[in-house]
């Protein structure tokens, strides 16, 4: 599945289907709601680096929205 990402180095959106997951797990938050924890890692065609994102930093590919390219990121692709 192709997902949209924002390169934190150049601040531009790119799409990739060549991403990988790290330690993804469904957990219960403090209110008892299910949420997804872990990391999504992707090679960036714009800067040539690798970026890691938390699931909540990614746009839903079914919603048609893309991540905010203007959002301030720490240079590693997420918090």
C-alpha atoms as a PDB file:
ATOM      1  CA  UNK A   1       0.000   0.000   0.000  1.00  0.00           C
ATOM      2  CA  UNK A   2       1.347   3.389  -0.944  1.00  0.00           C
ATOM      3  CA  UNK A   3       1.456   5.927   1.900  1.00  0.00           C
ATOM      4  CA  UNK A   4       2.137   9.681   1.806  1.00  0.00           C
ATOM      5  CA  UNK A   5       5.066  10.993   3.872  1.00  0.00           C
ATOM      6  CA  UNK A   6       6.674  14.394   4.453  1.00  0.00           C
ATOM      7  CA  UNK A   7      10.461  14.649   4.240  1.00  0.00           C
ATOM      8  CA  UNK A   8      11.504  16.560   7.371  1.00  0.00           C
ATOM      9  CA  UNK A   9      14.693  17.737   5.633  1.00  0.00           C
ATOM     10  CA  UNK A  10      13.193  19.396   2.545  1.00  0.00           C
ATOM     11  CA  UNK A  11       9.584  19.714   3.769  1.00  0.00           C
ATOM     12  CA  UNK A  12       8.015  18.138   0.689  1.00  0.00           C
ATOM     13  CA  UNK A  13       5.492  15.314   0.370  1.00  0.00           C
ATOM     14  CA  UNK A  14       6.400  12.020  -1.298  1.00  0.00           C
ATOM     15  CA  UNK A  15       4.608   8.687  -1.584  1.00  0.00           C
ATOM     16  CA  UNK A  16       6.077   5.231  -1.160  1.00  0.00           C
ATOM     17  CA  UNK A  17       4.926   1.646  -0.949  1.00  0.00           C
ATOM     18  CA  UNK A  18       8.392   0.548   0.219  1.00  0.00           C
ATOM     19  CA  UNK A  19       8.085   1.227   3.952  1.00  0.00           C
ATOM     20  CA  UNK A  20       8.614  -1.070   6.904  1.00  0.00           C
ATOM     21  CA  UNK A  21       7.214  -1.312  10.405  1.00  0.00           C
ATOM     22  CA  UNK A  22       9.114  -1.486  13.674  1.00  0.00           C
ATOM     23  CA  UNK A  23       7.558  -2.895  16.841  1.00  0.00           C
ATOM     24  CA  UNK A  24       3.954  -2.106  15.871  1.00  0.00           C
ATOM     25  CA  UNK A  25       1.433  -3.102  18.519  1.00  0.00           C
ATOM     26  CA  UNK A  26      -2.147  -2.266  19.430  1.00  0.00           C
ATOM     27  CA  UNK A  27      -2.276  -0.982  23.014  1.00  0.00           C
ATOM     28  CA  UNK A  28      -4.889   0.538  25.304  1.00  0.00           C
ATOM     29  CA  UNK A  29      -4.460   4.196  26.221  1.00  0.00           C
ATOM     30  CA  UNK A  30      -5.350   5.731  29.601  1.00  0.00           C
ATOM     31  CA  UNK A  31      -9.025   5.969  28.571  1.00  0.00           C
ATOM     32  CA  UNK A  32      -9.161   2.319  27.502  1.00  0.00           C
ATOM     33  CA  UNK A  33      -9.198   3.138  23.776  1.00  0.00           C
ATOM     34  CA  UNK A  34      -7.136   1.117  21.323  1.00  0.00           C
ATOM     35  CA  UNK A  35      -4.238   2.872  19.629  1.00  0.00           C
ATOM     36  CA  UNK A  36      -1.337   1.818  17.468  1.00  0.00           C
ATOM     37  CA  UNK A  37       2.210   2.226  18.800  1.00  0.00           C
ATOM     38  CA  UNK A  38       5.513   1.651  17.044  1.00  0.00           C
ATOM     39  CA  UNK A  39       7.364   3.165  14.105  1.00  0.00           C
ATOM     40  CA  UNK A  40       7.050   3.245  10.332  1.00  0.00           C
ATOM     41  CA  UNK A  41      10.397   3.572   8.542  1.00  0.00           C
ATOM     42  CA  UNK A  42      10.815   4.715   4.932  1.00  0.00           C
ATOM     43  CA  UNK A  43      13.664   5.579   2.566  1.00  0.00           C
ATOM     44  CA  UNK A  44      13.251   9.137   1.312  1.00  0.00           C
ATOM     45  CA  UNK A  45      13.716   9.750  -2.421  1.00  0.00           C
ATOM     46  CA  UNK A  46      13.962  13.509  -1.817  1.00  0.00           C
ATOM     47  CA  UNK A  47      16.943  13.694   0.563  1.00  0.00           C
ATOM     48  CA  UNK A  48      18.298  10.145   0.317  1.00  0.00           C
ATOM     49  CA  UNK A  49      17.943   9.505   4.052  1.00  0.00           C
ATOM     50  CA  UNK A  50      15.741   7.254   6.165  1.00  0.00           C
ATOM     51  CA  UNK A  51      12.890   8.677   8.252  1.00  0.00           C
ATOM     52  CA  UNK A  52      10.940   7.141  11.127  1.00  0.00           C
ATOM     53  CA  UNK A  53       7.344   8.124  11.848  1.00  0.00           C
ATOM     54  CA  UNK A  54       4.898   7.263  14.621  1.00  0.00           C
ATOM     55  CA  UNK A  55       1.585   5.897  13.256  1.00  0.00           C
ATOM     56  CA  UNK A  56      -0.300   9.012  14.386  1.00  0.00           C
ATOM     57  CA  UNK A  57       2.034  11.181  12.263  1.00  0.00           C
ATOM     58  CA  UNK A  58       0.841   9.510   9.055  1.00  0.00           C
ATOM     59  CA  UNK A  59      -2.206  10.421   7.018  1.00  0.00           C
ATOM     60  CA  UNK A  60      -4.814   7.761   6.393  1.00  0.00           C
ATOM     61  CA  UNK A  61      -4.365   6.681   2.762  1.00  0.00           C
ATOM     62  CA  UNK A  62      -8.122   6.070   2.489  1.00  0.00           C
ATOM     63  CA  UNK A  63      -8.991   9.630   3.588  1.00  0.00           C
ATOM     64  CA  UNK A  64      -7.102  11.204   0.677  1.00  0.00           C
ATOM     65  CA  UNK A  65      -5.357  13.730   2.930  1.00  0.00           C
ATOM     66  CA  UNK A  66      -1.599  14.215   2.973  1.00  0.00           C
ATOM     67  CA  UNK A  67       0.564  15.063   5.973  1.00  0.00           C
ATOM     68  CA  UNK A  68       1.175  18.740   6.670  1.00  0.00           C
ATOM     69  CA  UNK A  69       4.399  19.657   4.863  1.00  0.00           C
ATOM     70  CA  UNK A  70       4.690  22.838   6.936  1.00  0.00           C
ATOM     71  CA  UNK A  71       4.739  21.034  10.274  1.00  0.00           C
ATOM     72  CA  UNK A  72       7.937  21.483  12.293  1.00  0.00           C
ATOM     73  CA  UNK A  73       9.749  18.171  12.618  1.00  0.00           C
ATOM     74  CA  UNK A  74      12.947  17.242  14.412  1.00  0.00           C
ATOM     75  CA  UNK A  75      14.861  16.135  11.318  1.00  0.00           C
ATOM     76  CA  UNK A  76      14.316  12.454  12.010  1.00  0.00           C
ATOM     77  CA  UNK A  77      10.819  12.215  10.628  1.00  0.00           C
ATOM     78  CA  UNK A  78       8.916  12.374  13.876  1.00  0.00           C
ATOM     79  CA  UNK A  79       9.010  12.847  17.579  1.00  0.00           C
END
